[in-house]
């Protein structure tokens, strides 16, 4: 089965959070050991939003809801195409009026489809 691609434009102002999994040990003399954990120790997430006509945003919302447990391809603002999933509690639509809607959401990097 082919992996979907998120192809909608996102609004300016995307914010990236980089999390690096580490083990740390702090010693009494001030020395600190830090080691990376796992083969995919660096993970990124992106806080994003889209806006447009309600009918267009309904399609975005449907895509987001269907990709909480299924990964998809997305090209981030750095120009890197990677696998992501939608964070389970991040889909937040709001309505400016009867014609225009905003949707904010978070993409979390995935390492398998």
C-alpha atoms as a PDB file:
ATOM      1  CA  UNK A   1       0.000   0.000   0.000  1.00  0.00           C
ATOM      2  CA  UNK A   2       1.314   3.438  -0.942  1.00  0.00           C
ATOM      3  CA  UNK A   3       2.059   5.989   1.767  1.00  0.00           C
ATOM      4  CA  UNK A   4       0.037   9.210   1.521  1.00  0.00           C
ATOM      5  CA  UNK A   5       1.600  12.672   1.183  1.00  0.00           C
ATOM      6  CA  UNK A   6       0.413  15.827   2.963  1.00  0.00           C
ATOM      7  CA  UNK A   7       0.312  18.347   0.120  1.00  0.00           C
ATOM      8  CA  UNK A   8      -1.606  21.311   1.515  1.00  0.00           C
ATOM      9  CA  UNK A   9       0.146  24.608   2.147  1.00  0.00           C
ATOM     10  CA  UNK A  10       0.692  25.486   5.790  1.00  0.00           C
ATOM     11  CA  UNK A  11       0.650  29.005   7.153  1.00  0.00           C
ATOM     12  CA  UNK A  12       3.785  31.007   7.807  1.00  0.00           C
ATOM     13  CA  UNK A  13       4.970  30.596  11.384  1.00  0.00           C
ATOM     14  CA  UNK A  14       5.640  26.844  11.592  1.00  0.00           C
ATOM     15  CA  UNK A  15       7.478  25.987  14.804  1.00  0.00           C
ATOM     16  CA  UNK A  16       9.830  23.026  15.135  1.00  0.00           C
ATOM     17  CA  UNK A  17      10.672  21.242  18.390  1.00  0.00           C
ATOM     18  CA  UNK A  18      13.673  18.895  18.361  1.00  0.00           C
ATOM     19  CA  UNK A  19      13.857  16.249  21.096  1.00  0.00           C
ATOM     20  CA  UNK A  20      16.996  14.159  21.574  1.00  0.00           C
ATOM     21  CA  UNK A  21      16.736  11.022  23.716  1.00  0.00           C
ATOM     22  CA  UNK A  22      19.639  10.845  26.157  1.00  0.00           C
ATOM     23  CA  UNK A  23      20.802   9.147  29.313  1.00  0.00           C
ATOM     24  CA  UNK A  24      22.504  11.499  31.756  1.00  0.00           C
ATOM     25  CA  UNK A  25      24.478  11.020  34.950  1.00  0.00           C
ATOM     26  CA  UNK A  26      25.498  13.992  37.092  1.00  0.00           C
ATOM     27  CA  UNK A  27      28.383  13.433  39.515  1.00  0.00           C
ATOM     28  CA  UNK A  28      29.152  15.333  42.716  1.00  0.00           C
ATOM     29  CA  UNK A  29      32.357  16.849  41.353  1.00  0.00           C
ATOM     30  CA  UNK A  30      30.435  18.599  38.547  1.00  0.00           C
ATOM     31  CA  UNK A  31      31.251  16.022  35.857  1.00  0.00           C
ATOM     32  CA  UNK A  32      28.280  15.018  33.728  1.00  0.00           C
ATOM     33  CA  UNK A  33      28.032  12.080  31.322  1.00  0.00           C
ATOM     34  CA  UNK A  34      25.563  12.232  28.447  1.00  0.00           C
ATOM     35  CA  UNK A  35      24.904   9.454  25.936  1.00  0.00           C
ATOM     36  CA  UNK A  36      22.387   9.124  23.098  1.00  0.00           C
ATOM     37  CA  UNK A  37      19.730   6.409  23.302  1.00  0.00           C
ATOM     38  CA  UNK A  38      18.604   4.298  20.347  1.00  0.00           C
ATOM     39  CA  UNK A  39      19.134   4.483  16.615  1.00  0.00           C
ATOM     40  CA  UNK A  40      16.462   7.170  16.148  1.00  0.00           C
ATOM     41  CA  UNK A  41      17.421   9.342  19.083  1.00  0.00           C
ATOM     42  CA  UNK A  42      16.557  12.671  17.438  1.00  0.00           C
ATOM     43  CA  UNK A  43      12.853  13.331  16.835  1.00  0.00           C
ATOM     44  CA  UNK A  44      11.192  16.467  15.536  1.00  0.00           C
ATOM     45  CA  UNK A  45       7.673  17.779  15.829  1.00  0.00           C
ATOM     46  CA  UNK A  46       6.053  20.716  14.058  1.00  0.00           C
ATOM     47  CA  UNK A  47       3.259  23.006  15.243  1.00  0.00           C
ATOM     48  CA  UNK A  48       1.392  24.011  12.082  1.00  0.00           C
ATOM     49  CA  UNK A  49      -1.833  25.532  10.825  1.00  0.00           C
ATOM     50  CA  UNK A  50      -3.809  25.876   7.604  1.00  0.00           C
ATOM     51  CA  UNK A  51      -6.616  28.220   6.705  1.00  0.00           C
ATOM     52  CA  UNK A  52      -9.009  28.568   3.819  1.00  0.00           C
ATOM     53  CA  UNK A  53     -12.523  27.862   2.685  1.00  0.00           C
ATOM     54  CA  UNK A  54     -14.491  25.580   4.990  1.00  0.00           C
ATOM     55  CA  UNK A  55     -14.902  23.008   2.197  1.00  0.00           C
ATOM     56  CA  UNK A  56     -11.116  22.893   1.601  1.00  0.00           C
ATOM     57  CA  UNK A  57     -10.352  22.706   5.322  1.00  0.00           C
ATOM     58  CA  UNK A  58     -12.812  19.821   5.682  1.00  0.00           C
ATOM     59  CA  UNK A  59     -10.516  17.789   3.400  1.00  0.00           C
ATOM     60  CA  UNK A  60      -7.473  18.769   5.504  1.00  0.00           C
ATOM     61  CA  UNK A  61      -9.334  17.805   8.691  1.00  0.00           C
ATOM     62  CA  UNK A  62     -10.275  14.412   7.223  1.00  0.00           C
ATOM     63  CA  UNK A  63      -6.638  13.770   6.247  1.00  0.00           C
ATOM     64  CA  UNK A  64      -5.396  14.745   9.717  1.00  0.00           C
ATOM     65  CA  UNK A  65      -7.942  12.533  11.494  1.00  0.00           C
ATOM     66  CA  UNK A  66      -7.004   9.547   9.340  1.00  0.00           C
ATOM     67  CA  UNK A  67      -3.257   9.942   9.953  1.00  0.00           C
ATOM     68  CA  UNK A  68      -3.010   9.810  13.736  1.00  0.00           C
ATOM     69  CA  UNK A  69      -2.054   6.125  13.590  1.00  0.00           C
ATOM     70  CA  UNK A  70      -0.861   5.994   9.972  1.00  0.00           C
ATOM     71  CA  UNK A  71       2.260   7.820   8.831  1.00  0.00           C
ATOM     72  CA  UNK A  72       2.524  10.032   5.747  1.00  0.00           C
ATOM     73  CA  UNK A  73       5.167  11.962   3.824  1.00  0.00           C
ATOM     74  CA  UNK A  74       5.584  15.720   4.342  1.00  0.00           C
ATOM     75  CA  UNK A  75       8.272  18.158   3.233  1.00  0.00           C
ATOM     76  CA  UNK A  76       9.137  20.332   6.235  1.00  0.00           C
ATOM     77  CA  UNK A  77      10.274  23.981   5.972  1.00  0.00           C
ATOM     78  CA  UNK A  78      13.925  22.821   5.882  1.00  0.00           C
ATOM     79  CA  UNK A  79      13.124  21.068   2.592  1.00  0.00           C
ATOM     80  CA  UNK A  80      13.460  17.578   4.106  1.00  0.00           C
ATOM     81  CA  UNK A  81      10.857  14.975   3.142  1.00  0.00           C
ATOM     82  CA  UNK A  82      10.229  12.669   6.102  1.00  0.00           C
ATOM     83  CA  UNK A  83       7.543  10.446   7.586  1.00  0.00           C
ATOM     84  CA  UNK A  84       5.201  12.010  10.157  1.00  0.00           C
ATOM     85  CA  UNK A  85       2.020  11.239  12.098  1.00  0.00           C
ATOM     86  CA  UNK A  86      -0.520  13.690  13.490  1.00  0.00           C
ATOM     87  CA  UNK A  87      -0.298  14.103  17.271  1.00  0.00           C
ATOM     88  CA  UNK A  88      -3.453  12.512  18.656  1.00  0.00           C
ATOM     89  CA  UNK A  89      -4.787  15.538  20.554  1.00  0.00           C
ATOM     90  CA  UNK A  90      -3.568  18.382  18.356  1.00  0.00           C
ATOM     91  CA  UNK A  91      -6.282  18.896  15.714  1.00  0.00           C
ATOM     92  CA  UNK A  92      -7.995  22.187  16.588  1.00  0.00           C
ATOM     93  CA  UNK A  93     -10.332  23.771  14.020  1.00  0.00           C
ATOM     94  CA  UNK A  94     -11.711  27.274  14.503  1.00  0.00           C
ATOM     95  CA  UNK A  95     -14.089  29.273  12.350  1.00  0.00           C
ATOM     96  CA  UNK A  96     -13.586  32.900  11.359  1.00  0.00           C
ATOM     97  CA  UNK A  97     -17.039  33.061   9.814  1.00  0.00           C
ATOM     98  CA  UNK A  98     -19.288  30.730   7.843  1.00  0.00           C
ATOM     99  CA  UNK A  99     -16.851  30.613   4.925  1.00  0.00           C
ATOM    100  CA  UNK A 100     -13.316  30.550   6.387  1.00  0.00           C
ATOM    101  CA  UNK A 101     -11.813  28.040   8.830  1.00  0.00           C
ATOM    102  CA  UNK A 102      -8.412  27.675  10.522  1.00  0.00           C
ATOM    103  CA  UNK A 103      -7.000  24.331  11.632  1.00  0.00           C
ATOM    104  CA  UNK A 104      -3.976  24.026  13.913  1.00  0.00           C
ATOM    105  CA  UNK A 105      -2.245  20.676  14.391  1.00  0.00           C
ATOM    106  CA  UNK A 106       1.072  19.041  15.267  1.00  0.00           C
ATOM    107  CA  UNK A 107       3.105  16.638  13.152  1.00  0.00           C
ATOM    108  CA  UNK A 108       5.394  14.211  15.008  1.00  0.00           C
ATOM    109  CA  UNK A 109       8.204  12.487  13.143  1.00  0.00           C
ATOM    110  CA  UNK A 110       7.610   8.788  12.483  1.00  0.00           C
ATOM    111  CA  UNK A 111      10.254   6.228  11.634  1.00  0.00           C
ATOM    112  CA  UNK A 112       8.037   3.568  10.058  1.00  0.00           C
ATOM    113  CA  UNK A 113       4.870   3.586   8.041  1.00  0.00           C
END
